[in-house]
Protein backbone atom coordinates (compact mmCIF):
# COMPACT_ATOMS: atom_id res chain seq x y z
CA GLN A 1 4.57 9.76 -14.56
CA GLU A 2 1.48 8.37 -12.91
CA GLN A 3 3.32 7.18 -9.80
CA LEU A 4 5.33 10.34 -9.11
CA GLY A 5 3.13 13.05 -10.55
CA ASP A 6 4.52 16.50 -11.31
CA LEU A 7 8.30 16.76 -10.95
CA VAL A 8 9.65 19.71 -8.99
CA PHE A 9 13.40 18.97 -8.95
CA VAL A 10 15.96 16.86 -10.84
CA GLU A 11 19.42 16.16 -9.40
CA LEU A 12 21.67 15.50 -12.39
CA PRO A 13 25.03 13.69 -12.49
CA GLU A 14 28.32 15.50 -12.97
CA THR A 15 30.04 15.24 -16.36
CA GLY A 16 32.83 12.69 -16.08
CA LYS A 17 31.12 10.63 -13.37
CA LYS A 18 31.62 6.91 -13.91
CA LEU A 19 28.57 4.72 -13.34
CA THR A 20 28.12 1.00 -13.03
CA LYS A 21 24.88 -0.61 -14.12
CA GLY A 22 22.42 -0.18 -11.25
CA ASP A 23 24.10 2.90 -9.72
CA THR A 24 21.91 5.90 -9.01
CA ALA A 25 22.44 8.29 -11.92
CA VAL A 26 19.70 10.86 -11.27
CA VAL A 27 17.30 11.70 -8.45
CA VAL A 28 13.89 13.08 -9.39
CA GLU A 29 11.64 14.72 -6.82
CA SER A 30 7.93 15.26 -7.16
CA VAL A 31 5.21 16.58 -4.93
CA LYS A 32 4.67 12.95 -3.84
CA ALA A 33 8.17 11.48 -3.38
CA ALA A 34 11.81 11.34 -4.43
CA SER A 35 12.96 8.54 -6.71
CA ASP A 36 16.27 7.31 -8.03
CA VAL A 37 16.87 6.72 -11.73
CA TYR A 38 19.44 3.98 -12.20
CA ALA A 39 22.14 3.61 -14.83
CA PRO A 40 21.03 0.92 -17.30
CA VAL A 41 24.63 0.16 -18.33
CA ASP A 42 28.22 0.87 -17.28
CA GLY A 43 29.76 4.08 -18.57
CA GLU A 44 30.87 7.66 -18.06
CA ILE A 45 28.58 10.70 -18.10
CA THR A 46 29.43 12.94 -21.05
CA GLU A 47 26.55 15.39 -20.68
CA ALA A 48 23.60 16.07 -18.39
CA ASN A 49 20.53 18.02 -19.46
CA GLY A 50 20.97 21.27 -17.52
CA THR A 51 17.66 22.57 -18.86
CA LEU A 52 15.95 20.29 -16.35
CA SER A 53 17.31 22.38 -13.47
CA SER A 54 14.97 25.21 -14.44
CA ASP A 55 12.19 23.09 -15.99
CA PRO A 56 12.02 19.58 -14.45
CA SER A 57 8.53 19.09 -15.89
CA LEU A 58 10.16 18.33 -19.26
CA VAL A 59 10.97 14.83 -17.99
CA ASN A 60 7.24 14.05 -18.15
CA SER A 61 6.05 16.39 -20.89
CA ALA A 62 8.85 15.71 -23.40
CA ALA A 63 10.46 12.46 -22.26
CA THR A 64 11.62 11.45 -25.75
CA GLY A 65 12.74 14.97 -26.68
CA ALA A 66 13.77 17.93 -24.53
CA GLY A 67 13.29 15.93 -21.30
CA TRP A 68 16.29 13.63 -21.75
CA LEU A 69 18.36 13.10 -18.58
CA TRP A 70 21.98 12.31 -19.50
CA LYS A 71 24.30 11.05 -22.20
CA MET A 72 27.08 8.60 -21.52
CA LYS A 73 30.02 6.89 -23.14
CA LEU A 74 29.44 3.16 -22.85
CA ALA A 75 32.04 0.99 -21.16
CA ASP A 76 30.69 -2.22 -22.72
CA GLU A 77 28.36 -2.01 -25.72
CA SER A 78 27.32 -5.64 -25.27
CA GLN A 79 25.23 -4.52 -22.26
CA LEU A 80 22.82 -2.85 -24.69
CA ALA A 81 21.57 -6.29 -25.73
CA GLY A 82 19.96 -6.68 -22.30
CA LEU A 83 17.84 -3.53 -22.58
CA MET A 84 14.24 -3.24 -23.78
CA ASP A 85 13.36 -1.28 -26.90
CA GLU A 86 10.48 1.22 -26.81
CA ALA A 87 7.83 -1.33 -27.84
CA ALA A 88 8.94 -3.86 -25.22
CA TYR A 89 8.98 -1.17 -22.54
CA LYS A 90 5.47 0.02 -23.40
CA ALA A 91 4.25 -3.59 -23.23
CA HIS A 92 6.03 -4.02 -19.88
CA ILE A 93 4.38 -1.01 -18.24
CA GLY A 94 0.99 -1.79 -19.75
């Protein structure tokens, strides 16, 4: 949020798109820059949050609620073990 500022556009993935960990899943654009959001695990997109097309600010204002980006069917659930939980992420970003 602090690095990008206010979001003005979100490019969402298509339903059915297969992603490999590290692939660009979403592109967010702000008044400052465009940034890629990478897939944290392998899987297939089952739903993207179309609401963000008309209100991209939800990514910042309601990140853990209405601002979600996509849902996916996991290809390998064991990859989840390598992800941070909310507390670890908050500690990581300071």
